[in-house]
Amino acid sequence: MSGDGALARLIRSSAGGNAAAAGEVCDLCAAPVPEDHRHLYDTAEAEVRCACGPCSVLFAGDGAGGGHHRLVPRRRVRLPHVDTAPLGVPVGLVFFVPRADGTVTAEGPSPAGSMRWEVDAAAWRQLAGRIPELGGMEPEVEALLINTVQGMDHHWIVPVDDCFRMLAVVRREWRGLSGGGRLWPAVEQFFAELTEQN
């Protein structure tokens, strides 16, 4: 979903670097951006792009930018346990993104990088029928993010840029075939730092 440039920037920011100090700029106008800048989702390239304040305002409304760029929201909602077994995705650290065309994709980390699956759309609709918050997600730019690895039980609706940050943390920390000793503490810290916001 994300290009190497966007993922590299998120890896740097997940390491605690200051975006402006690192020379990070708006991907639309090249203006410097602060650390807490907004992101746009490029639907044509399936990438997250950095946006300065003025550029992010241009894409704030429905249909702004012709739909090519969508402003990534900041909403985070913690959910009770969500049984995703009917979706058929065999991993415990994964995020699900509903698409504007009605399809749903799932993506999660692996030793070879991130893996992506297409989810049965009917199974997703049934799940969303039981959990109303899922039906209210914004296509392309919000995701259901889950971590059930090693006894964890995290279920969140998050902006997609949070998902890319999670992938960046995994990519930064993964060692060997199983991930190594630093990976899962870093993932748990990532989830511990998520906070609800509207």
Protein backbone atom coordinates (compact mmCIF):
# COMPACT_ATOMS: atom_id res chain seq x y z
CA MET A 1 0.00 0.00 0.00
CA SER A 2 2.72 2.48 0.75
CA GLY A 3 5.69 3.32 -1.45
CA ASP A 4 9.26 3.01 -0.28
CA GLY A 5 9.63 6.81 0.12
CA ALA A 6 6.60 7.19 2.35
CA LEU A 7 7.53 4.11 4.38
CA ALA A 8 11.11 5.36 4.79
CA ARG A 9 9.81 8.68 6.14
CA LEU A 10 7.54 6.87 8.60
CA ILE A 11 10.44 4.69 9.72
CA ARG A 12 12.44 7.84 10.48
CA SER A 13 9.55 9.42 12.36
CA SER A 14 8.85 6.21 14.30
CA ALA A 15 12.46 6.33 15.46
CA GLY A 16 11.62 9.57 17.24
CA GLY A 17 13.17 12.03 14.79
CA ASN A 18 11.78 15.51 14.35
CA ALA A 19 10.25 15.77 10.90
CA ALA A 20 11.17 19.42 10.32
CA ALA A 21 14.71 18.90 11.62
CA ALA A 22 15.09 15.95 9.24
CA GLY A 23 14.09 18.18 6.33
CA GLU A 24 10.68 16.61 5.82
CA VAL A 25 8.53 18.56 3.38
CA CYS A 26 5.02 18.63 1.97
CA ASP A 27 4.77 16.19 -0.93
CA LEU A 28 2.57 18.65 -2.84
CA CYS A 29 4.28 22.05 -2.46
CA ALA A 30 7.65 21.20 -0.82
CA ALA A 31 7.04 23.49 2.17
CA PRO A 32 8.62 22.29 5.44
CA VAL A 33 6.17 20.40 7.66
CA PRO A 34 6.07 20.09 11.46
CA GLU A 35 6.33 16.73 13.18
CA ASP A 36 2.55 16.50 13.71
CA HIS A 37 1.64 17.28 10.08
CA ARG A 38 -1.35 15.79 8.27
CA HIS A 39 -1.24 13.10 5.60
CA LEU A 40 -3.04 12.57 2.32
CA TYR A 41 -3.80 9.16 0.86
CA ASP A 42 -3.02 9.03 -2.85
CA THR A 43 -5.65 6.65 -4.23
CA ALA A 44 -3.91 6.28 -7.61
CA GLU A 45 -0.52 5.34 -6.16
CA ALA A 46 -1.82 3.73 -2.93
CA GLU A 47 0.60 5.84 -0.91
CA VAL A 48 0.48 8.10 2.10
CA ARG A 49 1.85 11.57 1.35
CA CYS A 50 2.89 14.34 3.75
CA ALA A 51 0.87 17.57 3.62
CA CYS A 52 1.48 21.00 5.07
CA GLY A 53 -1.38 22.87 6.74
CA PRO A 54 -2.50 24.89 3.69
CA CYS A 55 -2.38 21.88 1.34
CA SER A 56 -4.28 19.68 3.79
CA VAL A 57 -7.08 22.29 3.90
CA LEU A 58 -7.48 21.94 0.13
CA PHE A 59 -8.47 18.29 0.54
CA ALA A 60 -10.64 18.57 3.64
CA GLY A 61 -14.07 18.42 1.93
CA ASP A 62 -15.93 15.56 0.27
CA GLY A 63 -14.78 15.22 -3.30
CA ALA A 64 -11.96 17.74 -2.85
CA GLY A 65 -9.05 17.06 -5.17
CA GLY A 66 -11.28 14.99 -7.46
CA GLY A 67 -10.91 12.03 -5.13
CA HIS A 68 -7.28 11.43 -6.18
CA HIS A 69 -6.03 12.55 -2.76
CA ARG A 70 -8.01 11.95 0.42
CA LEU A 71 -7.21 13.73 3.67
CA VAL A 72 -6.38 11.10 6.29
CA PRO A 73 -8.57 11.67 9.37
CA ARG A 74 -7.21 11.69 12.91
CA ARG A 75 -10.03 9.71 14.54
CA ARG A 76 -9.04 6.73 16.70
CA VAL A 77 -11.60 4.50 18.39
CA ARG A 78 -10.72 1.61 20.66
CA LEU A 79 -13.09 -1.32 20.16
CA PRO A 80 -13.89 -4.35 22.28
CA HIS A 81 -12.69 -7.69 20.94
CA VAL A 82 -13.55 -8.15 17.25
CA ASP A 83 -13.78 -11.75 15.99
CA THR A 84 -12.14 -11.51 12.57
CA ALA A 85 -11.94 -15.29 12.02
CA PRO A 86 -14.73 -15.17 9.38
CA LEU A 87 -12.55 -12.82 7.31
CA GLY A 88 -10.06 -15.65 6.76
CA VAL A 89 -6.82 -13.77 7.49
CA PRO A 90 -4.39 -16.11 9.27
CA VAL A 91 -2.28 -13.56 11.17
CA GLY A 92 -2.66 -11.73 14.46
CA LEU A 93 -1.08 -8.38 13.53
CA VAL A 94 -3.10 -7.00 10.63
CA PHE A 95 -5.16 -4.08 9.41
CA PHE A 96 -8.29 -4.09 7.26
CA VAL A 97 -9.09 -1.24 4.89
CA PRO A 98 -12.52 -0.91 3.25
CA ARG A 99 -12.24 0.51 -0.26
CA ALA A 100 -14.51 2.95 -2.11
CA ASP A 101 -15.46 0.20 -4.59
CA GLY A 102 -16.77 -2.06 -1.81
CA THR A 103 -13.75 -4.36 -1.61
CA VAL A 104 -11.73 -4.82 1.57
CA THR A 105 -8.01 -5.49 1.83
CA ALA A 106 -5.99 -6.80 4.75
CA GLU A 107 -2.30 -6.16 5.25
CA GLY A 108 0.19 -7.38 7.80
CA PRO A 109 3.94 -7.75 8.29
CA SER A 110 6.04 -10.81 7.45
CA PRO A 111 9.77 -11.64 7.24
CA ALA A 112 9.65 -10.77 3.52
CA GLY A 113 7.92 -7.42 4.05
CA SER A 114 4.22 -6.67 4.20
CA MET A 115 1.67 -9.13 2.84
CA ARG A 116 -1.73 -8.19 1.43
CA TRP A 117 -4.94 -10.17 1.02
CA GLU A 118 -8.33 -9.37 -0.42
CA VAL A 119 -11.03 -10.07 2.15
CA ASP A 120 -14.44 -11.53 1.35
CA ALA A 121 -16.58 -8.39 1.07
CA ALA A 122 -19.74 -10.22 2.18
CA ALA A 123 -17.98 -11.45 5.34
CA TRP A 124 -16.85 -7.88 6.04
CA ARG A 125 -20.40 -6.55 5.61
CA GLN A 126 -21.69 -9.18 8.05
CA LEU A 127 -19.03 -8.18 10.58
CA ALA A 128 -19.86 -4.49 10.09
CA GLY A 129 -23.52 -5.34 10.65
CA ARG A 130 -22.62 -6.62 14.13
CA ILE A 131 -20.19 -3.77 14.93
CA PRO A 132 -21.71 -0.45 13.82
CA GLU A 133 -18.41 1.43 14.16
CA LEU A 134 -17.00 -0.58 11.24
CA GLY A 135 -19.83 0.54 8.98
CA GLY A 136 -18.97 4.17 9.71
CA MET A 137 -15.34 3.92 8.59
CA GLU A 138 -14.16 6.23 5.82
CA PRO A 139 -13.11 4.13 2.80
CA GLU A 140 -9.41 4.16 1.90
CA VAL A 141 -8.31 6.33 4.83
CA GLU A 142 -9.46 4.45 7.96
CA ALA A 143 -8.61 0.91 8.99
CA LEU A 144 -9.46 -1.73 11.55
CA LEU A 145 -6.08 -2.42 13.20
CA ILE A 146 -5.72 -5.60 15.25
CA ASN A 147 -2.98 -7.16 17.35
CA THR A 148 -3.71 -10.54 18.92
CA VAL A 149 -0.09 -11.77 18.85
CA GLN A 150 1.34 -13.23 22.08
CA GLY A 151 -1.93 -12.89 23.98
CA MET A 152 -2.52 -9.25 23.09
CA ASP A 153 -6.10 -8.07 22.45
CA HIS A 154 -5.92 -4.71 20.67
CA HIS A 155 -8.72 -3.67 18.29
CA TRP A 156 -8.80 -0.12 16.93
CA ILE A 157 -10.29 1.97 14.16
CA VAL A 158 -7.38 4.19 13.15
CA PRO A 159 -6.24 6.45 10.31
CA VAL A 160 -4.29 4.51 7.70
CA ASP A 161 -1.14 6.46 8.47
CA ASP A 162 -1.13 4.77 11.91
CA CYS A 163 -1.07 1.44 10.09
CA PHE A 164 1.89 2.51 8.00
CA ARG A 165 3.67 3.69 11.17
CA MET A 166 3.05 0.22 12.64
CA LEU A 167 4.54 -1.39 9.51
CA ALA A 168 7.52 0.98 9.81
CA VAL A 169 8.10 -0.08 13.43
CA VAL A 170 7.99 -3.75 12.40
CA ARG A 171 10.33 -3.18 9.47
CA ARG A 172 12.79 -1.29 11.70
CA GLU A 173 12.81 -3.94 14.45
CA TRP A 174 12.39 -7.27 12.59
CA ARG A 175 15.35 -9.65 12.82
CA GLY A 176 15.64 -13.17 11.39
CA LEU A 177 12.60 -15.32 10.56
CA SER A 178 10.60 -14.84 13.75
CA GLY A 179 11.19 -11.13 14.31
CA GLY A 180 13.75 -11.31 17.11
CA GLY A 181 13.61 -10.12 20.71
CA ARG A 182 13.06 -6.42 20.03
CA LEU A 183 10.10 -6.72 17.67
CA TRP A 184 7.17 -7.59 19.92
CA PRO A 185 8.07 -5.17 22.74
CA ALA A 186 8.27 -2.41 20.10
CA VAL A 187 4.86 -3.42 18.66
CA GLU A 188 3.35 -3.49 22.14
CA GLN A 189 4.76 -0.03 22.84
CA PHE A 190 3.23 1.21 19.58
CA PHE A 191 -0.22 -0.01 20.69
CA ALA A 192 0.25 1.29 24.23
CA GLU A 193 0.83 4.77 22.83
CA LEU A 194 -2.36 4.83 20.75
CA THR A 195 -4.91 7.20 22.26
CA GLU A 196 -8.55 7.68 21.39
CA GLN A 197 -9.42 10.89 19.59
CA ASN A 198 -12.38 12.15 17.58
